[in-house]
N, C-alpha and C. Protein backbone atom coordinates (compact mmCIF):
# COMPACT_ATOMS: atom_id res chain seq x y z
N UNK A 1 48.27 63.10 -42.00
CA UNK A 1 49.19 62.95 -43.12
C UNK A 1 50.14 61.78 -42.87
N UNK A 2 50.68 61.72 -41.66
CA UNK A 2 51.66 60.67 -41.37
C UNK A 2 51.05 59.28 -41.53
N UNK A 3 49.80 59.12 -41.10
CA UNK A 3 49.15 57.81 -41.24
C UNK A 3 48.95 57.46 -42.71
N UNK A 4 48.65 58.44 -43.54
CA UNK A 4 48.50 58.18 -44.98
C UNK A 4 49.83 57.73 -45.58
N UNK A 5 50.92 58.31 -45.11
CA UNK A 5 52.24 57.90 -45.58
C UNK A 5 52.54 56.48 -45.13
N UNK A 6 52.24 56.18 -43.89
CA UNK A 6 52.44 54.82 -43.37
C UNK A 6 51.61 53.82 -44.17
N UNK A 7 50.37 54.17 -44.45
CA UNK A 7 49.50 53.28 -45.23
C UNK A 7 50.07 53.04 -46.63
N UNK A 8 50.58 54.10 -47.25
CA UNK A 8 51.16 53.97 -48.59
C UNK A 8 52.41 53.08 -48.56
N UNK A 9 53.26 53.29 -47.58
CA UNK A 9 54.47 52.47 -47.45
C UNK A 9 54.08 51.02 -47.22
N UNK A 10 53.12 50.80 -46.36
CA UNK A 10 52.65 49.44 -46.08
C UNK A 10 52.15 48.77 -47.35
N UNK A 11 51.34 49.48 -48.10
CA UNK A 11 50.77 48.93 -49.33
C UNK A 11 51.86 48.67 -50.37
N UNK A 12 52.73 49.65 -50.57
CA UNK A 12 53.76 49.55 -51.60
C UNK A 12 54.78 48.44 -51.29
N UNK A 13 55.13 48.29 -50.01
CA UNK A 13 56.17 47.33 -49.64
C UNK A 13 55.63 46.01 -49.11
N UNK A 14 54.31 45.91 -49.00
CA UNK A 14 53.68 44.70 -48.48
C UNK A 14 54.16 44.38 -47.07
N UNK A 15 54.22 45.42 -46.25
CA UNK A 15 54.62 45.29 -44.85
C UNK A 15 53.41 45.68 -44.01
N UNK A 16 53.02 44.85 -43.04
CA UNK A 16 51.88 45.22 -42.20
C UNK A 16 52.10 46.57 -41.50
N UNK A 17 51.03 47.33 -41.42
CA UNK A 17 51.07 48.67 -40.81
C UNK A 17 51.63 48.61 -39.40
N UNK A 18 51.36 47.55 -38.68
CA UNK A 18 51.80 47.47 -37.28
C UNK A 18 53.32 47.49 -37.15
N UNK A 19 54.04 47.25 -38.23
CA UNK A 19 55.51 47.27 -38.20
C UNK A 19 56.10 48.60 -38.65
N UNK A 20 55.25 49.55 -38.98
CA UNK A 20 55.73 50.84 -39.47
C UNK A 20 55.26 51.93 -38.51
N UNK A 21 56.19 52.72 -38.02
CA UNK A 21 55.88 53.82 -37.11
C UNK A 21 56.72 55.03 -37.52
N UNK A 22 56.52 56.18 -36.90
CA UNK A 22 57.24 57.38 -37.33
C UNK A 22 58.76 57.24 -37.37
N UNK A 23 59.31 56.44 -36.48
CA UNK A 23 60.77 56.33 -36.41
C UNK A 23 61.32 55.13 -37.18
N UNK A 24 60.48 54.49 -37.96
CA UNK A 24 60.96 53.39 -38.79
C UNK A 24 61.95 53.93 -39.81
N UNK A 25 63.13 53.36 -39.82
CA UNK A 25 64.18 53.75 -40.77
C UNK A 25 63.91 53.01 -42.08
N UNK A 26 63.76 53.76 -43.14
CA UNK A 26 63.35 53.17 -44.41
C UNK A 26 64.36 52.17 -44.96
N UNK A 27 65.63 52.45 -44.84
CA UNK A 27 66.63 51.53 -45.37
C UNK A 27 66.99 50.44 -44.36
N UNK A 28 67.23 50.81 -43.12
CA UNK A 28 67.67 49.82 -42.13
C UNK A 28 66.54 48.90 -41.68
N UNK A 29 65.37 49.46 -41.40
CA UNK A 29 64.26 48.65 -40.87
C UNK A 29 63.43 47.98 -41.95
N UNK A 30 63.29 48.65 -43.09
CA UNK A 30 62.45 48.10 -44.16
C UNK A 30 63.28 47.54 -45.32
N UNK A 31 64.58 47.57 -45.16
CA UNK A 31 65.51 46.98 -46.14
C UNK A 31 65.38 47.56 -47.55
N UNK A 32 65.12 48.86 -47.64
CA UNK A 32 65.06 49.49 -48.96
C UNK A 32 66.48 49.81 -49.42
N UNK A 33 66.76 49.52 -50.67
CA UNK A 33 68.04 49.97 -51.22
C UNK A 33 67.82 51.37 -51.81
N UNK A 34 68.86 51.95 -52.36
CA UNK A 34 68.78 53.33 -52.86
C UNK A 34 67.72 53.48 -53.95
N UNK A 35 67.62 52.51 -54.83
CA UNK A 35 66.63 52.58 -55.92
C UNK A 35 65.21 52.48 -55.36
N UNK A 36 64.99 51.54 -54.45
CA UNK A 36 63.67 51.40 -53.83
C UNK A 36 63.27 52.69 -53.11
N UNK A 37 64.23 53.30 -52.44
CA UNK A 37 63.95 54.54 -51.72
C UNK A 37 63.57 55.65 -52.69
N UNK A 38 64.28 55.77 -53.80
CA UNK A 38 63.94 56.78 -54.80
C UNK A 38 62.55 56.54 -55.39
N UNK A 39 62.23 55.29 -55.65
CA UNK A 39 60.90 54.96 -56.18
C UNK A 39 59.81 55.30 -55.17
N UNK A 40 60.07 55.03 -53.89
CA UNK A 40 59.10 55.36 -52.85
C UNK A 40 58.92 56.87 -52.76
N UNK A 41 60.00 57.61 -52.81
CA UNK A 41 59.90 59.07 -52.75
C UNK A 41 59.13 59.60 -53.96
N UNK A 42 59.38 59.05 -55.14
CA UNK A 42 58.64 59.46 -56.34
C UNK A 42 57.15 59.16 -56.17
N UNK A 43 56.83 58.03 -55.59
CA UNK A 43 55.42 57.67 -55.33
C UNK A 43 54.79 58.66 -54.36
N UNK A 44 55.52 59.02 -53.31
CA UNK A 44 55.01 59.99 -52.33
C UNK A 44 54.80 61.35 -52.99
N UNK A 45 55.74 61.78 -53.82
CA UNK A 45 55.60 63.06 -54.52
C UNK A 45 54.36 63.04 -55.41
N UNK A 46 54.17 61.96 -56.12
CA UNK A 46 53.02 61.84 -57.01
C UNK A 46 51.71 61.80 -56.23
N UNK A 47 51.68 60.99 -55.20
CA UNK A 47 50.45 60.81 -54.43
C UNK A 47 50.03 62.09 -53.72
N UNK A 48 51.00 62.86 -53.21
CA UNK A 48 50.69 64.06 -52.44
C UNK A 48 50.88 65.34 -53.25
N UNK A 49 51.20 65.18 -54.54
CA UNK A 49 51.34 66.32 -55.45
C UNK A 49 52.32 67.37 -54.92
N UNK A 50 53.50 66.90 -54.55
CA UNK A 50 54.56 67.79 -54.08
C UNK A 50 55.84 67.45 -54.84
N UNK A 51 56.80 68.37 -54.78
CA UNK A 51 58.12 68.11 -55.37
C UNK A 51 59.16 68.36 -54.29
N UNK A 52 59.99 67.37 -54.04
CA UNK A 52 61.07 67.52 -53.08
C UNK A 52 62.37 67.79 -53.83
N UNK A 53 63.18 68.68 -53.30
CA UNK A 53 64.48 68.92 -53.90
C UNK A 53 65.35 67.67 -53.71
N UNK A 54 66.37 67.50 -54.52
CA UNK A 54 67.26 66.35 -54.32
C UNK A 54 67.86 66.30 -52.92
N UNK A 55 68.15 67.47 -52.35
CA UNK A 55 68.70 67.51 -51.00
C UNK A 55 67.68 67.01 -49.97
N UNK A 56 66.42 67.41 -50.14
CA UNK A 56 65.38 66.95 -49.23
C UNK A 56 65.16 65.45 -49.38
N UNK A 57 65.11 64.98 -50.61
CA UNK A 57 64.92 63.55 -50.84
C UNK A 57 66.04 62.75 -50.21
N UNK A 58 67.26 63.26 -50.32
CA UNK A 58 68.41 62.57 -49.74
C UNK A 58 68.36 62.56 -48.21
N UNK A 59 67.71 63.55 -47.62
CA UNK A 59 67.63 63.65 -46.17
C UNK A 59 66.57 62.74 -45.56
N UNK A 60 65.72 62.15 -46.37
CA UNK A 60 64.66 61.29 -45.85
C UNK A 60 65.24 59.94 -45.45
N UNK A 61 65.21 59.69 -44.16
CA UNK A 61 65.68 58.41 -43.64
C UNK A 61 64.58 57.65 -42.92
N UNK A 62 63.63 58.37 -42.34
CA UNK A 62 62.56 57.73 -41.56
C UNK A 62 61.20 58.14 -42.10
N UNK A 63 60.18 57.47 -41.63
CA UNK A 63 58.81 57.83 -41.98
C UNK A 63 58.53 59.26 -41.54
N UNK A 64 59.01 59.63 -40.37
CA UNK A 64 58.79 60.98 -39.86
C UNK A 64 59.46 62.02 -40.77
N UNK A 65 60.64 61.73 -41.27
CA UNK A 65 61.30 62.64 -42.21
C UNK A 65 60.43 62.85 -43.45
N UNK A 66 59.92 61.76 -44.00
CA UNK A 66 59.06 61.85 -45.19
C UNK A 66 57.84 62.71 -44.89
N UNK A 67 57.23 62.48 -43.75
CA UNK A 67 56.05 63.24 -43.35
C UNK A 67 56.38 64.72 -43.23
N UNK A 68 57.51 65.04 -42.62
CA UNK A 68 57.92 66.44 -42.44
C UNK A 68 58.05 67.16 -43.78
N UNK A 69 58.79 66.57 -44.70
CA UNK A 69 59.03 67.24 -45.98
C UNK A 69 57.77 67.32 -46.82
N UNK A 70 56.94 66.31 -46.78
CA UNK A 70 55.69 66.36 -47.56
C UNK A 70 54.76 67.42 -46.99
N UNK A 71 54.65 67.48 -45.66
CA UNK A 71 53.80 68.51 -45.05
C UNK A 71 54.35 69.91 -45.34
N UNK A 72 55.65 70.05 -45.34
CA UNK A 72 56.29 71.34 -45.63
C UNK A 72 55.90 71.83 -47.03
N UNK A 73 55.87 70.94 -47.99
CA UNK A 73 55.56 71.34 -49.37
C UNK A 73 54.06 71.36 -49.66
N UNK A 74 53.29 70.65 -48.89
CA UNK A 74 51.85 70.61 -49.13
C UNK A 74 51.19 71.88 -48.61
N UNK A 75 51.84 72.56 -47.71
CA UNK A 75 51.25 73.77 -47.10
C UNK A 75 51.33 74.96 -48.03
C-alpha cells in the first residue's frame, strides 16, 4: 500500500520516486501548501475508495501518516 501511495504522489507532483520515502514530510520536503495537500488527500481518498475525517486529514504530515490512515480505513 505504501509504495502505491508513493507512486501516486510521485506521479501527481512530478517528483521522482527516489526522493519520496515513508518519512517524507509532505509540506516541508515536497513544498505542498495547504490547498495542494487537501487536493492530494482527496486524490488518495478517491484512488483508495476511503473517507478520512477532517481530523485525520489534518494529522497527515508524512507519507507514512497517509499510509496509516488509508490502511486503517481500507480494512
